[in-house]
Protein backbone atom coordinates (compact mmCIF):
# COMPACT_ATOMS: atom_id res chain seq x y z
CA MET A 1 48.41 4.01 -54.19
CA LYS A 2 45.58 1.62 -52.84
CA PRO A 3 43.08 3.82 -50.58
CA PRO A 4 43.65 3.28 -46.71
CA VAL A 5 41.86 0.38 -45.12
CA THR A 6 39.07 2.08 -42.95
CA VAL A 7 38.56 0.52 -39.47
CA ALA A 8 35.79 1.43 -37.00
CA VAL A 9 36.20 0.37 -33.11
CA VAL A 10 33.09 -0.60 -31.12
CA GLY A 11 33.65 -0.45 -27.38
CA TYR A 12 35.87 2.34 -25.67
CA GLY A 13 36.22 1.06 -22.29
CA TYR A 14 39.33 -0.80 -21.21
CA TRP A 15 40.71 -2.32 -24.37
CA GLY A 16 39.15 -0.20 -27.10
CA PRO A 17 41.38 2.82 -26.69
CA ASN A 18 44.23 0.71 -27.27
CA LEU A 19 42.74 -0.70 -30.42
CA ALA A 20 41.80 2.89 -31.73
CA ARG A 21 45.21 4.06 -30.81
CA ASN A 22 46.89 1.41 -32.73
CA PHE A 23 44.69 1.42 -35.82
CA GLY A 24 44.95 5.35 -35.85
CA SER A 25 48.68 4.95 -36.29
CA GLN A 26 48.97 2.21 -38.55
CA PRO A 27 50.39 2.99 -42.10
CA GLY A 28 47.72 2.32 -44.72
CA VAL A 29 44.90 2.47 -42.15
CA GLU A 30 42.42 5.27 -41.36
CA LEU A 31 40.36 5.08 -38.00
CA ALA A 32 36.95 5.63 -39.35
CA ALA A 33 34.81 5.97 -36.07
CA VAL A 34 34.40 4.71 -32.59
CA CYS A 35 30.97 3.67 -31.05
CA ASP A 36 30.30 3.45 -27.29
CA ALA A 37 27.02 3.33 -25.40
CA ASP A 38 28.46 5.43 -22.51
CA ASP A 39 28.37 9.29 -22.67
CA GLU A 40 31.80 9.66 -20.77
CA ARG A 41 33.59 7.20 -22.98
CA ARG A 42 32.47 8.96 -26.26
CA HIS A 43 33.49 12.14 -24.65
CA ARG A 44 36.89 10.79 -24.10
CA ALA A 45 37.18 9.38 -27.56
CA SER A 46 36.13 12.81 -29.12
CA GLN A 47 38.91 14.67 -26.90
CA ARG A 48 41.61 11.75 -28.04
CA PHE A 49 40.73 12.14 -31.73
CA PRO A 50 39.25 15.43 -32.54
CA GLY A 51 36.80 15.42 -35.58
CA LEU A 52 36.46 11.65 -35.54
CA PRO A 53 32.86 10.64 -35.83
CA VAL A 54 31.86 9.11 -32.40
CA PHE A 55 28.39 7.11 -32.30
CA ARG A 56 26.22 5.69 -29.62
CA ASP A 57 24.70 2.93 -31.78
CA THR A 58 26.68 0.35 -33.90
CA ALA A 59 24.24 -0.14 -36.35
CA GLU A 60 24.01 3.52 -37.11
CA MET A 61 27.57 3.69 -37.16
CA LEU A 62 27.80 0.91 -39.67
CA ALA A 63 25.19 2.59 -41.91
CA SER A 64 26.75 6.00 -41.80
CA VAL A 65 30.30 5.41 -42.21
CA LYS A 66 30.48 2.18 -44.00
CA PRO A 67 33.87 1.10 -42.77
CA ASP A 68 35.82 -1.71 -44.33
CA ALA A 69 36.34 -3.41 -41.14
CA LEU A 70 35.10 -3.60 -37.54
CA ALA A 71 37.02 -4.13 -34.28
CA ILE A 72 35.05 -5.04 -31.39
CA ALA A 73 36.09 -4.55 -27.73
CA THR A 74 32.92 -4.78 -25.90
CA PRO A 75 31.87 -7.27 -23.03
CA ALA A 76 31.87 -10.89 -24.18
CA ALA A 77 28.28 -11.46 -24.38
CA THR A 78 27.88 -8.99 -27.16
CA HIS A 79 31.03 -10.31 -29.29
CA ALA A 80 28.89 -12.73 -31.60
CA PRO A 81 25.73 -10.36 -32.09
CA LEU A 82 27.98 -7.52 -32.98
CA ALA A 83 30.32 -9.63 -35.18
CA ARG A 84 27.20 -10.92 -36.94
CA MET A 85 25.81 -7.54 -37.51
CA ALA A 86 29.16 -6.31 -39.03
CA LEU A 87 29.73 -9.43 -41.25
CA GLU A 88 26.01 -8.98 -42.58
CA ALA A 89 26.81 -5.41 -43.25
CA GLY A 90 29.92 -6.51 -45.36
CA CYS A 91 32.65 -5.48 -43.04
CA ASP A 92 35.69 -7.65 -42.06
CA VAL A 93 35.80 -8.13 -38.20
CA LEU A 94 38.56 -8.17 -35.61
CA VAL A 95 36.82 -9.58 -32.49
CA GLU A 96 38.48 -9.63 -28.99
CA LYS A 97 38.76 -12.83 -26.97
CA PRO A 98 36.53 -14.87 -26.42
CA MET A 99 35.33 -15.06 -29.87
CA ALA A 100 31.72 -16.02 -28.41
CA LEU A 101 30.34 -17.59 -25.53
CA SER A 102 29.48 -20.89 -27.31
CA ALA A 103 31.26 -22.84 -30.02
CA GLY A 104 27.81 -23.12 -31.68
CA GLU A 105 28.14 -19.31 -32.03
CA CYS A 106 31.58 -19.51 -33.34
CA ARG A 107 30.46 -22.09 -35.92
CA THR A 108 27.66 -19.56 -37.18
CA LEU A 109 30.05 -16.70 -37.34
CA ASN A 110 32.69 -18.77 -39.17
CA THR A 111 30.02 -20.02 -41.86
CA LEU A 112 28.56 -16.43 -42.11
CA ALA A 113 32.06 -15.16 -42.79
CA ALA A 114 32.78 -17.63 -45.48
CA GLU A 115 29.43 -17.14 -47.11
CA ARG A 116 30.06 -13.42 -47.32
CA GLY A 117 33.71 -13.46 -48.38
CA ARG A 118 34.77 -11.68 -45.22
CA ILE A 119 37.90 -12.05 -43.14
CA LEU A 120 36.98 -12.97 -39.37
CA MET A 121 39.88 -12.59 -36.75
CA VAL A 122 40.10 -13.06 -33.07
CA GLY A 123 42.14 -10.94 -30.85
CA HIS A 124 44.57 -13.48 -29.22
CA THR A 125 47.19 -10.89 -28.94
CA TYR A 126 49.93 -13.17 -27.15
CA LEU A 127 50.39 -14.98 -30.51
CA PHE A 128 51.93 -11.80 -31.90
CA SER A 129 54.16 -11.19 -28.97
CA ASP A 130 57.73 -11.57 -30.21
CA ALA A 131 58.72 -13.66 -27.09
CA VAL A 132 55.81 -16.27 -27.87
CA ARG A 133 56.86 -16.35 -31.68
CA GLU A 134 60.42 -17.00 -30.45
CA ILE A 135 59.09 -19.70 -28.09
CA LEU A 136 57.11 -21.36 -31.05
CA ARG A 137 60.10 -21.10 -33.23
CA ILE A 138 62.24 -23.02 -30.71
CA ILE A 139 59.65 -25.65 -30.32
CA ARG A 140 59.03 -26.02 -33.87
CA GLY A 141 62.60 -26.41 -34.51
CA GLY A 142 63.03 -29.27 -32.01
CA GLY A 143 64.98 -27.01 -29.52
CA ILE A 144 63.55 -28.78 -26.29
CA GLY A 145 62.55 -32.08 -28.07
CA GLU A 146 58.82 -33.16 -27.92
CA VAL A 147 56.77 -31.12 -25.55
CA ARG A 148 54.95 -33.17 -22.83
CA TYR A 149 53.74 -30.62 -20.35
CA ILE A 150 53.01 -27.11 -20.12
CA ASN A 151 52.20 -25.04 -16.87
CA CYS A 152 50.67 -21.68 -16.96
CA GLN A 153 49.78 -19.15 -14.21
CA ARG A 154 47.84 -16.15 -14.93
CA LEU A 155 47.13 -14.13 -11.53
CA ASN A 156 46.21 -10.81 -10.27
CA LEU A 157 43.72 -8.74 -8.43
CA GLY A 158 40.70 -8.23 -10.39
CA LEU A 159 39.57 -6.86 -12.84
CA PHE A 160 36.21 -8.58 -12.07
CA GLN A 161 33.95 -8.84 -15.33
CA PRO A 162 30.22 -8.30 -15.23
CA ASP A 163 29.19 -11.24 -17.61
CA ILE A 164 32.06 -14.04 -17.45
CA ASN A 165 34.12 -15.68 -14.85
CA VAL A 166 37.77 -15.73 -14.55
CA VAL A 167 38.21 -18.65 -16.78
CA TRP A 168 36.65 -16.97 -19.81
CA ASP A 169 38.53 -13.81 -18.89
CA LEU A 170 42.30 -15.01 -18.33
CA ALA A 171 42.36 -18.39 -19.47
CA PRO A 172 42.02 -17.64 -23.42
CA HIS A 173 45.32 -16.17 -23.57
CA ASP A 174 47.18 -19.15 -22.39
CA LEU A 175 44.84 -21.52 -24.26
CA SER A 176 45.53 -19.77 -27.56
CA ILE A 177 49.40 -20.39 -27.05
CA ILE A 178 48.70 -23.97 -25.67
CA LEU A 179 46.48 -24.99 -28.55
CA GLU A 180 49.36 -23.57 -30.88
CA VAL A 181 51.93 -25.71 -29.22
CA MET A 182 50.13 -28.87 -29.02
CA GLY A 183 48.60 -28.63 -32.61
CA GLY A 184 44.90 -28.30 -31.61
CA PRO A 185 42.34 -28.80 -28.77
CA PRO A 186 42.82 -31.40 -25.91
CA GLU A 187 40.93 -34.72 -25.83
CA ILE A 188 39.67 -34.14 -21.94
CA VAL A 189 39.22 -31.14 -19.96
CA ASN A 190 38.80 -30.87 -16.17
CA CYS A 191 38.13 -27.36 -14.50
CA GLN A 192 37.63 -26.66 -10.78
CA GLY A 193 36.90 -23.18 -9.43
CA ASN A 194 35.11 -21.12 -6.77
CA ALA A 195 33.29 -17.82 -6.35
CA HIS A 196 34.64 -15.96 -3.22
CA VAL A 197 33.31 -12.43 -4.17
CA ALA A 198 30.42 -12.42 -6.54
CA ARG A 199 27.85 -15.22 -6.49
CA GLU A 200 28.12 -17.88 -8.98
CA VAL A 201 30.80 -15.94 -10.76
CA GLU A 202 34.21 -18.11 -10.31
CA ASP A 203 37.04 -15.74 -9.40
CA VAL A 204 39.80 -18.58 -9.04
CA GLY A 205 40.07 -21.36 -11.53
CA ASN A 206 42.48 -24.45 -12.20
CA LEU A 207 42.24 -26.17 -15.74
CA SER A 208 43.59 -29.53 -16.76
CA LEU A 209 43.87 -30.54 -20.22
CA ARG A 210 44.94 -33.84 -21.66
CA PHE A 211 46.09 -34.04 -25.17
CA SER A 212 47.00 -37.05 -27.39
CA GLY A 213 50.01 -39.08 -26.67
CA SER A 214 50.02 -38.43 -22.99
CA ARG A 215 50.71 -34.78 -23.23
CA PHE A 216 49.32 -32.45 -20.52
CA ALA A 217 48.89 -28.82 -19.73
CA THR A 218 47.55 -26.92 -16.62
CA VAL A 219 46.28 -23.30 -16.17
CA GLN A 220 45.98 -21.49 -12.95
CA CYS A 221 43.91 -18.25 -13.13
CA SER A 222 42.81 -15.94 -10.44
CA TRP A 223 41.29 -12.31 -9.83
CA LEU A 224 42.09 -12.79 -6.05
CA GLU A 225 46.04 -12.65 -6.10
CA PRO A 226 47.96 -9.66 -4.26
CA ARG A 227 50.66 -9.92 -7.13
CA LYS A 228 50.27 -10.00 -10.69
CA VAL A 229 51.73 -13.31 -12.30
CA ARG A 230 52.11 -14.23 -16.03
CA GLN A 231 54.29 -17.25 -16.39
CA MET A 232 54.45 -20.33 -18.61
CA THR A 233 56.73 -23.33 -18.38
CA PHE A 234 57.16 -25.58 -21.45
CA VAL A 235 58.60 -29.01 -20.60
CA GLY A 236 60.23 -31.09 -23.36
CA THR A 237 62.05 -34.36 -23.63
CA ARG A 238 65.24 -32.50 -24.14
CA GLY A 239 64.94 -29.29 -22.63
CA MET A 240 62.67 -26.62 -20.74
CA ILE A 241 61.45 -23.03 -21.46
CA VAL A 242 60.22 -20.69 -19.11
CA PHE A 243 58.44 -17.56 -20.14
CA ASP A 244 57.89 -14.62 -17.76
CA ASP A 245 55.85 -11.86 -19.56
CA LEU A 246 56.39 -9.45 -16.83
CA GLU A 247 60.06 -9.43 -17.13
CA ALA A 248 61.24 -6.10 -18.63
CA ARG A 249 63.89 -7.75 -20.93
CA ASP A 250 64.83 -11.22 -20.40
CA LYS A 251 61.33 -12.75 -20.92
CA ILE A 252 62.42 -16.31 -22.15
CA ARG A 253 64.89 -18.66 -20.30
CA ILE A 254 65.84 -21.77 -22.15
CA TYR A 255 67.12 -24.50 -19.89
CA ASP A 256 69.19 -27.58 -20.92
CA VAL A 257 67.81 -29.79 -18.24
CA ARG A 258 66.03 -33.02 -18.35
CA VAL A 259 65.37 -36.34 -16.60
CA GLU A 260 66.24 -39.73 -18.36
CA CYS A 261 65.10 -43.11 -17.57
CA PRO A 262 67.42 -45.95 -18.46
CA PRO A 263 65.84 -48.39 -20.84
CA HIS A 264 66.62 -51.54 -18.55
CA TYR A 265 67.05 -52.19 -14.79
CA ASP A 266 66.96 -55.14 -12.70
CA ASN A 267 64.94 -53.85 -9.60
CA PHE A 268 63.67 -50.57 -8.14
CA GLY A 269 66.78 -50.08 -6.03
CA GLU A 270 69.08 -50.05 -9.16
CA PHE A 271 66.44 -47.77 -11.07
CA PRO A 272 69.05 -44.94 -11.62
CA TYR A 273 67.26 -41.69 -12.90
CA ALA A 274 69.72 -39.55 -14.93
CA TYR A 275 69.07 -35.91 -14.19
CA HIS A 276 70.97 -33.65 -16.84
CA TYR A 277 71.76 -30.18 -15.72
CA GLY A 278 73.21 -27.90 -18.55
CA ASP A 279 73.24 -24.31 -19.38
CA CYS A 280 70.53 -21.64 -19.03
CA ARG A 281 70.36 -19.19 -22.36
CA ILE A 282 68.47 -16.02 -22.48
CA PRO A 283 67.79 -15.21 -26.18
CA ARG A 284 67.58 -11.51 -27.12
CA ILE A 285 63.97 -10.49 -28.03
CA GLU A 286 63.04 -7.54 -29.78
CA GLN A 287 60.47 -5.62 -27.76
CA ARG A 288 57.59 -4.52 -30.00
CA GLU A 289 53.87 -4.02 -28.82
CA PRO A 290 52.21 -7.23 -29.58
CA LEU A 291 48.88 -5.23 -30.18
CA ALA A 292 50.51 -3.35 -32.73
CA ALA A 293 51.66 -6.33 -34.49
CA MET A 294 48.12 -7.77 -34.33
CA CYS A 295 46.49 -4.71 -35.68
CA GLY A 296 48.88 -4.64 -38.36
CA HIS A 297 48.45 -8.22 -39.30
CA PHE A 298 44.67 -7.70 -39.69
CA SER A 299 45.17 -4.75 -41.73
CA ARG A 300 47.36 -6.60 -44.37
CA CYS A 301 44.75 -9.55 -44.15
CA VAL A 302 42.16 -6.97 -45.04
CA LEU A 303 44.15 -5.55 -47.79
CA GLU A 304 45.52 -8.98 -49.27
CA ARG A 305 42.27 -10.95 -48.62
CA ARG A 306 44.17 -13.73 -46.75
CA ILE A 307 43.24 -15.78 -43.71
CA PRO A 308 44.61 -14.35 -40.62
CA ASP A 309 46.99 -16.40 -38.21
CA THR A 310 44.22 -16.29 -35.45
CA CYS A 311 41.27 -16.87 -37.69
CA GLY A 312 37.71 -17.46 -36.49
CA GLU A 313 38.33 -21.35 -36.57
CA ARG A 314 41.25 -20.90 -34.14
CA GLY A 315 39.01 -18.80 -31.99
CA ALA A 316 36.29 -21.51 -32.16
CA ASP A 317 38.90 -24.05 -30.94
CA VAL A 318 39.43 -21.91 -27.82
CA VAL A 319 36.01 -21.34 -27.05
CA ALA A 320 35.12 -25.10 -27.40
CA VAL A 321 37.70 -25.53 -24.67
CA LEU A 322 36.38 -22.82 -22.42
CA GLU A 323 32.68 -24.12 -22.94
CA ALA A 324 33.98 -27.67 -21.94
CA CYS A 325 35.75 -26.09 -18.75
CA GLN A 326 32.32 -24.43 -18.10
CA ARG A 327 30.65 -27.90 -18.12
CA SER A 328 33.16 -29.33 -15.94
CA LEU A 329 32.93 -26.60 -13.35
CA ARG A 330 29.02 -27.00 -13.25
CA SER A 331 29.81 -30.64 -12.50
CA ASP A 332 32.21 -30.32 -9.55
CA GLY A 333 35.27 -30.66 -11.88
CA ALA A 334 34.19 -33.76 -13.73
CA PRO A 335 36.27 -34.43 -16.82
CA VAL A 336 34.67 -33.55 -20.16
CA THR A 337 35.62 -34.81 -23.62
CA LEU A 338 35.96 -32.86 -26.64
CA GLU A 339 34.45 -34.36 -29.72
CA PRO A 340 36.30 -33.81 -32.96
CA GLY A 341 35.05 -30.43 -34.56
CA GLY A 342 34.56 -28.90 -31.24
CA GLY A 343 31.73 -30.60 -29.64
CA ILE A 344 31.75 -31.95 -25.86
CA ARG A 345 30.23 -34.61 -24.13
CA PRO A 346 30.41 -35.52 -20.50
CA THR A 347 32.94 -38.23 -19.51
CA ALA A 348 32.74 -40.80 -16.72
CA LEU A 349 34.08 -39.25 -13.54
CA ARG A 350 37.67 -40.80 -13.48
CA SER A 351 41.19 -39.26 -12.89
CA VAL A 352 43.03 -37.87 -15.96
CA SER A 353 46.28 -36.85 -14.02
C-alpha cells in the first residue's frame, strides 16, 4: 500500500478548521500538523486533534514535519508568500481564494510550481459542488443553448475582512464559475462600489464583465445586506437555469423559457416578439459537502501527480479579473481591458452595456 499523503494546514481561524476536519477524515490522507500565530486558535486545534503537532511558525512547521502538502487558509495578503515558502520547501500546495493579490504574483507562483514539479491548486470550492457540476454538465451538453448572460448575487451581513474589500472576498466564488462557463476571462471589466463602514474598504460592489461574442455577466456582492443571498441565473438561447445555493434540496431549476425575434418584419408596429413559456424542471442533486470533494480531489492529484481542475492557471485568471476590478473601482468605474495572458490596461471611458 502507498503511504498516506501528509497534509499540514496553516491558518486555523474561520476556514482552516474545515480544511483540517476534511483532510483528517480523507482516506489515504494524514493530517500532519496545524499552524496558527494565535494562541487561542492553537489551543482549539490541540483540543480538536489531541496529539497533533501544532505550531506558531510556518517555516518551523515545514522544517520539522516535512509534509507532502500544505493547505493555506490565512488572510489573503499572506497567500502568495506562504505558497512560495511551501513550494520552495518541496510541498504541493492548496491555497484558498484569492490565490494572490496580483496576477503577477500568481504567474510567479505558477512558474515556481512548474520548475519544482509541484502541484498548485486554488480553493475554488464552488466548482466542486454537485449543483454547479450539474449546471456545467447541462450547459456543455447544450441544454439551454448558447449562454448569453449570467447574473449573480452574493449578499450577506459581514464578515468584514481586514485586508481585502468585498469584491476580493465574495466575487471569486462567482468568477470561478463564470469563467468556467464562458471558457476564460472577459475582455472588458467595469466595477463600481462604495465604502460605508470602513474607510477605503468597499463593502458593496457591482461587477460588469463583457466577453467575446456579446456575452455578458454581472456580479452583485455586499457585506451590508440583512439577508443572505447566493443566487446565479444563466440565460441561454434556448432556456435558463436558476441556481439558489441556500435552498436545502431544490438548488437548480431549469426553465424552458426564451424570447425569440422574427428574422423579418416590415415595421416596428408589426415586430412580434415570440415569448416561449415551457416547463420548469428540478433535477435531483446528490448533496455532498463541496469542501470534502475538493480536498479529495487535491489528495488524488498529489498521489497521481496530475493537474487539478482548479489549478494555478485558473486561479491566476480569477485574480486578473479581480485586479482589473480594483483598477476600475479606483477610476470611478471606468472600463478596464484585460490583455491576453492576464495583463490589464485602462480603456477609454465608454458604455459597455
